[in-house]
Amino acid sequence: MDSIVSYPSAITEVATIKPLTPDQQRIKSMQARVKQDQATVKAERARQKIRAGQAQLAKI
């Protein structure tokens, strides 16, 4: 049987993206740096916790 099944396709409208002003770009950049720094701190804390756990295991 050759049947054609048609699915309703969603119509999406593409909104035009306006370029950011220099002030908006600066804020967005700062926010990105903050997020990256937070991730770096979180990773470093995890590394230190692992290192401390390994040191404690080595003492046993």
PDB file of N, CA and C in Angstrom:
ATOM      1  N   MET A   1       0.830  -1.177   0.000  1.00  0.00           N
ATOM      2  CA  MET A   1       0.000   0.000   0.000  1.00  0.00           C
ATOM      3  C   MET A   1       0.874   1.241   0.000  1.00  0.00           C
ATOM      4  N   ASP A   2       0.663   2.068  -0.899  1.00  0.00           N
ATOM      5  CA  ASP A   2       1.365   3.349  -0.947  1.00  0.00           C
ATOM      6  C   ASP A   2       0.411   4.431  -0.477  1.00  0.00           C
ATOM      7  N   SER A   3       0.588   4.821   0.753  1.00  0.00           N
ATOM      8  CA  SER A   3      -0.263   5.892   1.269  1.00  0.00           C
ATOM      9  C   SER A   3       0.614   7.077   1.636  1.00  0.00           C
ATOM     10  N   ILE A   4       0.074   8.206   1.429  1.00  0.00           N
ATOM     11  CA  ILE A   4       0.803   9.431   1.743  1.00  0.00           C
ATOM     12  C   ILE A   4       0.234   9.984   3.040  1.00  0.00           C
ATOM     13  N   VAL A   5       1.109  10.103   4.001  1.00  0.00           N
ATOM     14  CA  VAL A   5       0.694  10.638   5.292  1.00  0.00           C
ATOM     15  C   VAL A   5       1.207  12.058   5.377  1.00  0.00           C
ATOM     16  N   SER A   6       0.306  12.953   5.652  1.00  0.00           N
ATOM     17  CA  SER A   6       0.745  14.340   5.774  1.00  0.00           C
ATOM     18  C   SER A   6       0.601  14.768   7.221  1.00  0.00           C
ATOM     19  N   TYR A   7       1.651  15.335   7.728  1.00  0.00           N
ATOM     20  CA  TYR A   7       1.665  15.829   9.090  1.00  0.00           C
ATOM     21  C   TYR A   7       1.511  17.338   9.052  1.00  0.00           C
ATOM     22  N   PRO A   8       0.766  17.867   9.979  1.00  0.00           N
ATOM     23  CA  PRO A   8       0.641  19.333   9.984  1.00  0.00           C
ATOM     24  C   PRO A   8       1.995  19.956  10.287  1.00  0.00           C
ATOM     25  N   SER A   9       2.373  20.859   9.474  1.00  0.00           N
ATOM     26  CA  SER A   9       3.671  21.504   9.695  1.00  0.00           C
ATOM     27  C   SER A   9       3.442  22.822  10.427  1.00  0.00           C
ATOM     28  N   ALA A  10       4.265  23.042  11.399  1.00  0.00           N
ATOM     29  CA  ALA A  10       4.158  24.260  12.186  1.00  0.00           C
ATOM     30  C   ALA A  10       4.755  25.407  11.389  1.00  0.00           C
ATOM     31  N   ILE A  11       4.039  26.474  11.360  1.00  0.00           N
ATOM     32  CA  ILE A  11       4.523  27.661  10.659  1.00  0.00           C
ATOM     33  C   ILE A  11       5.212  28.534  11.693  1.00  0.00           C
ATOM     34  N   THR A  12       6.470  28.757  11.466  1.00  0.00           N
ATOM     35  CA  THR A  12       7.220  29.591  12.398  1.00  0.00           C
ATOM     36  C   THR A  12       7.599  30.887  11.712  1.00  0.00           C
ATOM     37  N   GLU A  13       7.470  31.932  12.454  1.00  0.00           N
ATOM     38  CA  GLU A  13       7.857  33.232  11.921  1.00  0.00           C
ATOM     39  C   GLU A  13       9.251  33.555  12.429  1.00  0.00           C
ATOM     40  N   VAL A  14      10.061  34.029  11.561  1.00  0.00           N
ATOM     41  CA  VAL A  14      11.419  34.381  11.928  1.00  0.00           C
ATOM     42  C   VAL A  14      11.438  35.854  12.292  1.00  0.00           C
ATOM     43  N   ALA A  15      11.795  36.106  13.523  1.00  0.00           N
ATOM     44  CA  ALA A  15      11.877  37.490  13.980  1.00  0.00           C
ATOM     45  C   ALA A  15      13.233  38.050  13.578  1.00  0.00           C
ATOM     46  N   THR A  16      13.231  39.278  13.191  1.00  0.00           N
ATOM     47  CA  THR A  16      14.498  39.900  12.829  1.00  0.00           C
ATOM     48  C   THR A  16      15.277  40.187  14.103  1.00  0.00           C
ATOM     49  N   ILE A  17      16.544  39.891  14.077  1.00  0.00           N
ATOM     50  CA  ILE A  17      17.401  40.111  15.232  1.00  0.00           C
ATOM     51  C   ILE A  17      18.141  41.426  15.025  1.00  0.00           C
ATOM     52  N   LYS A  18      17.880  42.345  15.923  1.00  0.00           N
ATOM     53  CA  LYS A  18      18.517  43.649  15.814  1.00  0.00           C
ATOM     54  C   LYS A  18      19.914  43.565  16.419  1.00  0.00           C
ATOM     55  N   PRO A  19      20.864  44.255  15.846  1.00  0.00           N
ATOM     56  CA  PRO A  19      22.210  44.248  16.429  1.00  0.00           C
ATOM     57  C   PRO A  19      22.184  44.943  17.791  1.00  0.00           C
ATOM     58  N   LEU A  20      23.025  44.440  18.683  1.00  0.00           N
ATOM     59  CA  LEU A  20      23.088  45.011  20.024  1.00  0.00           C
ATOM     60  C   LEU A  20      23.871  46.316  20.011  1.00  0.00           C
ATOM     61  N   THR A  21      23.496  47.180  20.924  1.00  0.00           N
ATOM     62  CA  THR A  21      24.253  48.421  21.074  1.00  0.00           C
ATOM     63  C   THR A  21      25.574  48.078  21.768  1.00  0.00           C
ATOM     64  N   PRO A  22      26.548  48.945  21.680  1.00  0.00           N
ATOM     65  CA  PRO A  22      27.821  48.665  22.358  1.00  0.00           C
ATOM     66  C   PRO A  22      27.656  48.412  23.854  1.00  0.00           C
ATOM     67  N   ASP A  23      26.752  49.153  24.495  1.00  0.00           N
ATOM     68  CA  ASP A  23      26.518  48.934  25.930  1.00  0.00           C
ATOM     69  C   ASP A  23      25.926  47.558  26.177  1.00  0.00           C
ATOM     70  N   GLN A  24      24.977  47.144  25.348  1.00  0.00           N
ATOM     71  CA  GLN A  24      24.366  45.827  25.488  1.00  0.00           C
ATOM     72  C   GLN A  24      25.392  44.728  25.237  1.00  0.00           C
ATOM     73  N   GLN A  25      26.262  44.934  24.253  1.00  0.00           N
ATOM     74  CA  GLN A  25      27.305  43.955  23.961  1.00  0.00           C
ATOM     75  C   GLN A  25      28.255  43.821  25.146  1.00  0.00           C
ATOM     76  N   ARG A  26      28.598  44.938  25.760  1.00  0.00           N
ATOM     77  CA  ARG A  26      29.505  44.935  26.910  1.00  0.00           C
ATOM     78  C   ARG A  26      28.881  44.155  28.064  1.00  0.00           C
ATOM     79  N   ILE A  27      27.604  44.402  28.334  1.00  0.00           N
ATOM     80  CA  ILE A  27      26.919  43.693  29.421  1.00  0.00           C
ATOM     81  C   ILE A  27      26.835  42.209  29.113  1.00  0.00           C
ATOM     82  N   LYS A  28      26.498  41.871  27.885  1.00  0.00           N
ATOM     83  CA  LYS A  28      26.397  40.459  27.500  1.00  0.00           C
ATOM     84  C   LYS A  28      27.752  39.765  27.642  1.00  0.00           C
ATOM     85  N   SER A  29      28.813  40.455  27.271  1.00  0.00           N
ATOM     86  CA  SER A  29      30.158  39.914  27.397  1.00  0.00           C
ATOM     87  C   SER A  29      30.526  39.693  28.864  1.00  0.00           C
ATOM     88  N   MET A  30      30.176  40.660  29.700  1.00  0.00           N
ATOM     89  CA  MET A  30      30.458  40.532  31.132  1.00  0.00           C
ATOM     90  C   MET A  30      29.691  39.364  31.732  1.00  0.00           C
ATOM     91  N   GLN A  31      28.439  39.202  31.332  1.00  0.00           N
ATOM     92  CA  GLN A  31      27.634  38.095  31.841  1.00  0.00           C
ATOM     93  C   GLN A  31      28.222  36.758  31.416  1.00  0.00           C
ATOM     94  N   ALA A  32      28.702  36.693  30.185  1.00  0.00           N
ATOM     95  CA  ALA A  32      29.318  35.458  29.697  1.00  0.00           C
ATOM     96  C   ALA A  32      30.584  35.151  30.487  1.00  0.00           C
ATOM     97  N   ARG A  33      31.384  36.188  30.787  1.00  0.00           N
ATOM     98  CA  ARG A  33      32.603  35.980  31.574  1.00  0.00           C
ATOM     99  C   ARG A  33      32.275  35.501  32.981  1.00  0.00           C
ATOM    100  N   VAL A  34      31.229  36.059  33.575  1.00  0.00           N
ATOM    101  CA  VAL A  34      30.831  35.650  34.920  1.00  0.00           C
ATOM    102  C   VAL A  34      30.438  34.181  34.921  1.00  0.00           C
ATOM    103  N   LYS A  35      29.641  33.765  33.929  1.00  0.00           N
ATOM    104  CA  LYS A  35      29.220  32.368  33.843  1.00  0.00           C
ATOM    105  C   LYS A  35      30.423  31.453  33.661  1.00  0.00           C
ATOM    106  N   GLN A  36      31.366  31.858  32.825  1.00  0.00           N
ATOM    107  CA  GLN A  36      32.562  31.054  32.593  1.00  0.00           C
ATOM    108  C   GLN A  36      33.400  30.960  33.855  1.00  0.00           C
ATOM    109  N   ASP A  37      33.541  32.078  34.562  1.00  0.00           N
ATOM    110  CA  ASP A  37      34.311  32.081  35.804  1.00  0.00           C
ATOM    111  C   ASP A  37      33.649  31.198  36.859  1.00  0.00           C
ATOM    112  N   GLN A  38      32.318  31.230  36.929  1.00  0.00           N
ATOM    113  CA  GLN A  38      31.608  30.384  37.885  1.00  0.00           C
ATOM    114  C   GLN A  38      31.842  28.908  37.566  1.00  0.00           C
ATOM    115  N   ALA A  39      31.817  28.560  36.297  1.00  0.00           N
ATOM    116  CA  ALA A  39      32.061  27.172  35.894  1.00  0.00           C
ATOM    117  C   ALA A  39      33.500  26.770  36.228  1.00  0.00           C
ATOM    118  N   THR A  40      34.448  27.684  36.037  1.00  0.00           N
ATOM    119  CA  THR A  40      35.845  27.407  36.346  1.00  0.00           C
ATOM    120  C   THR A  40      36.033  27.167  37.843  1.00  0.00           C
ATOM    121  N   VAL A  41      35.394  27.996  38.658  1.00  0.00           N
ATOM    122  CA  VAL A  41      35.490  27.831  40.116  1.00  0.00           C
ATOM    123  C   VAL A  41      34.871  26.506  40.536  1.00  0.00           C
ATOM    124  N   LYS A  42      33.736  26.177  39.963  1.00  0.00           N
ATOM    125  CA  LYS A  42      33.066  24.914  40.299  1.00  0.00           C
ATOM    126  C   LYS A  42      33.953  23.719  39.943  1.00  0.00           C
ATOM    127  N   ALA A  43      34.599  23.779  38.786  1.00  0.00           N
ATOM    128  CA  ALA A  43      35.487  22.693  38.364  1.00  0.00           C
ATOM    129  C   ALA A  43      36.705  22.591  39.283  1.00  0.00           C
ATOM    130  N   GLU A  44      37.253  23.726  39.673  1.00  0.00           N
ATOM    131  CA  GLU A  44      38.421  23.723  40.556  1.00  0.00           C
ATOM    132  C   GLU A  44      38.064  23.167  41.931  1.00  0.00           C
ATOM    133  N   ARG A  45      36.895  23.522  42.441  1.00  0.00           N
ATOM    134  CA  ARG A  45      36.464  22.973  43.732  1.00  0.00           C
ATOM    135  C   ARG A  45      36.313  21.459  43.645  1.00  0.00           C
ATOM    136  N   ALA A  46      35.780  20.979  42.533  1.00  0.00           N
ATOM    137  CA  ALA A  46      35.622  19.536  42.339  1.00  0.00           C
ATOM    138  C   ALA A  46      36.989  18.856  42.292  1.00  0.00           C
ATOM    139  N   ARG A  47      37.949  19.469  41.588  1.00  0.00           N
ATOM    140  CA  ARG A  47      39.301  18.902  41.517  1.00  0.00           C
ATOM    141  C   ARG A  47      39.935  18.830  42.899  1.00  0.00           C
ATOM    142  N   GLN A  48      39.779  19.913  43.674  1.00  0.00           N
ATOM    143  CA  GLN A  48      40.358  19.933  45.015  1.00  0.00           C
ATOM    144  C   GLN A  48      39.702  18.899  45.925  1.00  0.00           C
ATOM    145  N   LYS A  49      38.398  18.722  45.773  1.00  0.00           N
ATOM    146  CA  LYS A  49      37.688  17.734  46.576  1.00  0.00           C
ATOM    147  C   LYS A  49      38.163  16.326  46.232  1.00  0.00           C
ATOM    148  N   ILE A  50      38.360  16.055  44.949  1.00  0.00           N
ATOM    149  CA  ILE A  50      38.862  14.750  44.506  1.00  0.00           C
ATOM    150  C   ILE A  50      40.271  14.527  45.041  1.00  0.00           C
ATOM    151  N   ARG A  51      41.109  15.565  44.928  1.00  0.00           N
ATOM    152  CA  ARG A  51      42.490  15.461  45.411  1.00  0.00           C
ATOM    153  C   ARG A  51      42.515  15.202  46.911  1.00  0.00           C
ATOM    154  N   ALA A  52      41.653  15.872  47.664  1.00  0.00           N
ATOM    155  CA  ALA A  52      41.609  15.673  49.116  1.00  0.00           C
ATOM    156  C   ALA A  52      41.133  14.249  49.436  1.00  0.00           C
ATOM    157  N   GLY A  53      40.172  13.765  48.689  1.00  0.00           N
ATOM    158  CA  GLY A  53      39.680  12.401  48.898  1.00  0.00           C
ATOM    159  C   GLY A  53      40.748  11.373  48.598  1.00  0.00           C
ATOM    160  N   GLN A  54      41.511  11.588  47.537  1.00  0.00           N
ATOM    161  CA  GLN A  54      42.589  10.667  47.181  1.00  0.00           C
ATOM    162  C   GLN A  54      43.675  10.688  48.248  1.00  0.00           C
ATOM    163  N   ALA A  55      43.972  11.864  48.776  1.00  0.00           N
ATOM    164  CA  ALA A  55      44.983  11.972  49.836  1.00  0.00           C
ATOM    165  C   ALA A  55      44.527  11.248  51.088  1.00  0.00           C
ATOM    166  N   GLN A  56      43.238  11.363  51.398  1.00  0.00           N
ATOM    167  CA  GLN A  56      42.706  10.686  52.570  1.00  0.00           C
ATOM    168  C   GLN A  56      42.752   9.177  52.387  1.00  0.00           C
ATOM    169  N   LEU A  57      42.457   8.695  51.175  1.00  0.00           N
ATOM    170  CA  LEU A  57      42.540   7.268  50.898  1.00  0.00           C
ATOM    171  C   LEU A  57      43.987   6.772  50.994  1.00  0.00           C
ATOM    172  N   ALA A  58      44.918   7.597  50.592  1.00  0.00           N
ATOM    173  CA  ALA A  58      46.319   7.199  50.635  1.00  0.00           C
ATOM    174  C   ALA A  58      46.803   7.045  52.082  1.00  0.00           C
ATOM    175  N   LYS A  59      46.213   7.825  53.022  1.00  0.00           N
ATOM    176  CA  LYS A  59      46.600   7.745  54.422  1.00  0.00           C
ATOM    177  C   LYS A  59      46.134   6.432  55.056  1.00  0.00           C
ATOM    178  N   ILE A  60      45.026   5.923  54.553  1.00  0.00           N
ATOM    179  CA  ILE A  60      44.433   4.714  55.149  1.00  0.00           C
ATOM    180  C   ILE A  60      45.267   3.486  54.853  1.00  0.00           C
TER     181      ILE A  60
END
